[in-house]
Protein backbone atom coordinates (compact mmCIF):
# COMPACT_ATOMS: atom_id res chain seq x y z
CA MET A 1 22.35 17.44 -19.36
CA LYS A 2 23.20 13.79 -19.34
CA ILE A 3 26.56 12.66 -20.64
CA ARG A 4 24.93 10.66 -23.46
CA THR A 5 23.14 13.75 -24.74
CA LEU A 6 26.38 15.74 -24.72
CA ILE A 7 28.20 12.99 -26.64
CA LEU A 8 25.39 12.84 -29.22
CA ILE A 9 25.45 16.62 -29.75
CA LEU A 10 29.26 16.57 -30.05
CA PHE A 11 29.05 13.73 -32.60
CA ILE A 12 26.47 15.65 -34.69
CA LEU A 13 28.62 18.80 -34.57
CA LEU A 14 31.70 16.84 -35.72
CA ILE A 15 29.80 15.39 -38.70
CA ALA A 16 28.42 18.83 -39.58
CA GLY A 17 31.97 20.26 -39.45
CA PHE A 18 33.30 17.45 -41.63
CA VAL A 19 30.49 18.02 -44.17
CA ALA A 20 31.13 21.79 -44.22
CA LEU A 21 34.88 21.27 -44.80
CA ASN A 22 34.37 18.70 -47.59
CA PHE A 23 31.18 19.95 -49.22
CA GLU A 24 32.79 20.25 -52.70
CA GLN A 25 33.84 16.58 -52.68
CA ILE A 26 30.46 15.49 -51.31
CA LEU A 27 28.66 17.03 -54.33
CA GLN A 28 30.89 15.38 -57.00
CA PRO A 29 28.82 12.89 -59.05
CA THR A 30 29.85 9.28 -59.28
CA ALA A 31 28.35 6.07 -60.70
CA LEU A 32 26.30 4.31 -58.01
CA ASN A 33 24.97 0.75 -58.30
CA PHE A 34 21.77 0.00 -56.34
CA GLY A 35 21.62 -3.63 -57.46
CA PHE A 36 18.68 -3.18 -59.83
CA ALA A 37 19.82 0.08 -61.39
CA GLN A 38 22.93 2.15 -61.95
CA VAL A 39 22.69 5.89 -61.34
CA GLN A 40 24.96 8.95 -61.56
CA ALA A 41 24.72 10.80 -58.21
CA PRO A 42 26.97 12.39 -55.64
CA LEU A 43 28.15 9.57 -53.33
CA GLY A 44 28.80 11.88 -50.39
CA LEU A 45 25.30 13.36 -50.58
CA VAL A 46 23.72 9.90 -50.71
CA LEU A 47 25.76 8.75 -47.70
CA LEU A 48 24.95 11.96 -45.85
CA GLY A 49 21.24 11.44 -46.61
CA MET A 50 21.46 7.88 -45.30
CA LEU A 51 23.20 9.08 -42.16
CA THR A 52 20.49 11.70 -41.69
CA LEU A 53 17.78 9.09 -42.25
CA VAL A 54 19.37 6.73 -39.69
CA LEU A 55 19.66 9.62 -37.22
CA VAL A 56 15.99 10.55 -37.71
CA VAL A 57 14.91 6.90 -37.30
CA PHE A 58 16.91 6.58 -34.08
CA LEU A 59 15.52 9.86 -32.76
CA LEU A 60 11.96 8.74 -33.58
CA ALA A 61 12.62 5.41 -31.86
CA LEU A 62 14.01 7.29 -28.85
CA VAL A 63 10.94 9.53 -28.71
CA TYR A 64 8.66 6.48 -29.04
CA TYR A 65 10.39 4.58 -26.22
CA GLN A 66 10.47 7.67 -23.99
CA THR A 67 6.74 8.16 -24.60
CA VAL A 68 6.00 4.52 -23.82
CA HIS A 69 8.14 4.75 -20.70
CA LEU A 70 6.42 7.98 -19.61
CA MET A 71 2.98 6.43 -20.14
CA GLU A 72 4.03 3.38 -18.13
CA VAL A 73 5.31 5.58 -15.30
CA ARG A 74 2.03 7.51 -15.29
CA ARG A 75 0.04 4.27 -15.22
CA ILE A 76 2.11 2.92 -12.33
CA THR A 77 1.80 6.25 -10.50
CA ARG A 78 -1.96 6.20 -10.99
CA GLU A 79 -2.15 2.61 -9.71
CA ALA A 80 0.00 3.50 -6.71
CA THR A 81 -2.25 6.47 -5.98
CA ASP A 82 -5.32 4.26 -6.24
CA GLN A 83 -3.72 1.68 -3.94
CA ARG A 84 -2.80 4.42 -1.47
CA HIS A 85 -6.40 5.68 -1.51
CA LEU A 86 -7.64 2.14 -0.92
CA ALA A 87 -5.20 1.72 1.95
CA ASP A 88 -6.30 5.06 3.42
CA LYS A 89 -9.95 4.00 3.18
CA ALA A 90 -9.16 0.66 4.82
CA GLU A 91 -7.26 2.45 7.58
CA ALA A 92 -10.15 4.85 8.09
CA SER A 93 -12.51 1.88 8.19
CA ARG A 94 -10.33 0.22 10.84
CA PHE A 95 -10.33 3.43 12.87
CA THR A 96 -14.13 3.60 12.58
CA GLU A 97 -14.44 -0.02 13.67
CA LEU A 98 -12.06 0.61 16.56
CA ARG A 99 -14.02 3.69 17.62
CA GLN A 100 -17.29 1.72 17.49
CA TYR A 101 -15.72 -1.13 19.46
CA LEU A 102 -14.39 1.28 22.08
CA GLN A 103 -17.77 3.01 22.34
CA THR A 104 -19.50 -0.35 22.78
CA GLU A 105 -16.97 -1.38 25.42
CA MET A 106 -17.30 1.95 27.23
CA GLN A 107 -21.10 1.63 27.24
CA SER A 108 -20.97 -1.93 28.54
CA MET A 109 -18.39 -0.87 31.15
CA ALA A 110 -20.64 2.02 32.21
CA ALA A 111 -23.59 -0.38 32.45
CA ARG A 112 -21.53 -2.81 34.55
CA GLU A 113 -20.34 0.06 36.73
CA LEU A 114 -23.93 1.25 37.21
CA GLU A 115 -25.04 -2.29 38.05
CA LEU A 116 -22.18 -2.73 40.53
CA SER A 117 -22.95 0.66 42.03
CA GLU A 118 -26.60 -0.32 42.51
CA LYS A 119 -25.57 -3.64 44.08
CA MET A 120 -23.11 -1.82 46.34
CA GLN A 121 -25.80 0.64 47.39
CA GLN A 122 -28.17 -2.26 48.17
CA LYS A 123 -25.46 -3.96 50.24
CA ILE A 124 -24.77 -0.69 52.07
CA ASP A 125 -28.51 -0.25 52.73
CA GLN A 126 -28.77 -3.83 53.96
CA SER A 127 -25.72 -3.42 56.17
CA GLN A 128 -27.11 -0.17 57.52
CA ALA A 129 -30.46 -1.82 58.29
CA VAL A 130 -28.73 -4.74 60.03
CA LEU A 131 -26.48 -2.34 61.95
CA THR A 132 -29.49 -0.24 62.98
CA ARG A 133 -31.30 -3.37 64.17
CA VAL A 134 -28.23 -4.54 66.09
CA ILE A 135 -27.85 -1.10 67.69
CA GLU A 136 -31.54 -1.05 68.63
CA GLN A 137 -31.29 -4.56 70.06
CA SER A 138 -28.16 -3.61 71.98
CA GLY A 139 -29.91 -0.48 73.23
CA ASN A 140 -32.96 -2.46 74.26
CA GLY A 141 -30.75 -5.03 75.95
CA LEU A 142 -28.89 -2.28 77.81
CA GLU A 143 -32.14 -0.60 78.82
CA ALA A 144 -33.44 -3.93 80.08
CA SER A 145 -30.22 -4.55 82.01
CA ILE A 146 -30.27 -1.04 83.48
CA GLY A 147 -33.95 -1.42 84.40
CA GLU A 148 -33.23 -4.73 86.07
CA LEU A 149 -30.32 -3.19 87.95
CA GLU A 150 -32.56 -0.34 89.08
CA ASP A 151 -35.14 -2.83 90.29
CA ARG A 152 -32.52 -4.71 92.25
CA LEU A 153 -31.17 -1.50 93.72
CA ASP A 154 -34.64 -0.41 94.65
CA ARG A 155 -35.27 -3.73 96.37
CA GLN A 156 -32.02 -3.72 98.21
CA TRP A 157 -32.09 -0.09 99.24
CA PRO A 158 -35.57 1.18 99.21
CA ASN A 159 -35.97 4.88 98.73
CA PRO A 160 -36.71 6.43 102.16
CA SER A 161 -38.89 9.16 100.80
CA GLY A 162 -40.81 6.70 98.60
CA LEU A 163 -40.13 8.76 95.49
CA ASN A 164 -39.01 7.19 92.28
CA ASN A 165 -36.45 9.03 90.22
C-alpha cells in the first residue's frame, strides 16, 4: 500500500477510537444554532455526521478523479497503439517498396548483364572469325612461299629421276 493510504486508514481508526471512548458525551443534547433556526441536538453527533459527510465527499471525489485518470490513460494507450499500428504499416509499406525497387533493379541488372553477354559473345565471334581469316591467310601465304621455294629448288636442282614428290 501507498503511504498516503496507510495514513488515511490510521486517521480513520484514530477518529473511530476517539468516538468509541467518548460516545456518551457525543450523544448529550445541546442547543445548536443553524442561523435560521435553533435546535436541540447532540453536538458531537452532528459534528461526527459532518466529518463523515466530508469524508464521503472526498472519497467520491477521489474515485471520480481516479476514474477520469484511468479513462485518460486508456485513451492515451489506445492512441499509442493506433500510432504504433500506423508506424508498423508504414514500415511494412517501406519494406514492400524497397523489395519492389530491389526486384526492379535486379531485373534491369539481369537485362544489362544479358545484353553485355550477347555483345561479348558477338565480339568473341567476330574476333574468332577475324582470327580464322588471319590464320587462313597466313597458311595460304606460307603455302605460297613453300610452293615458290619448291619451284626454285626444282629449277636449281632438277630431280634426276624426273619424279615429283
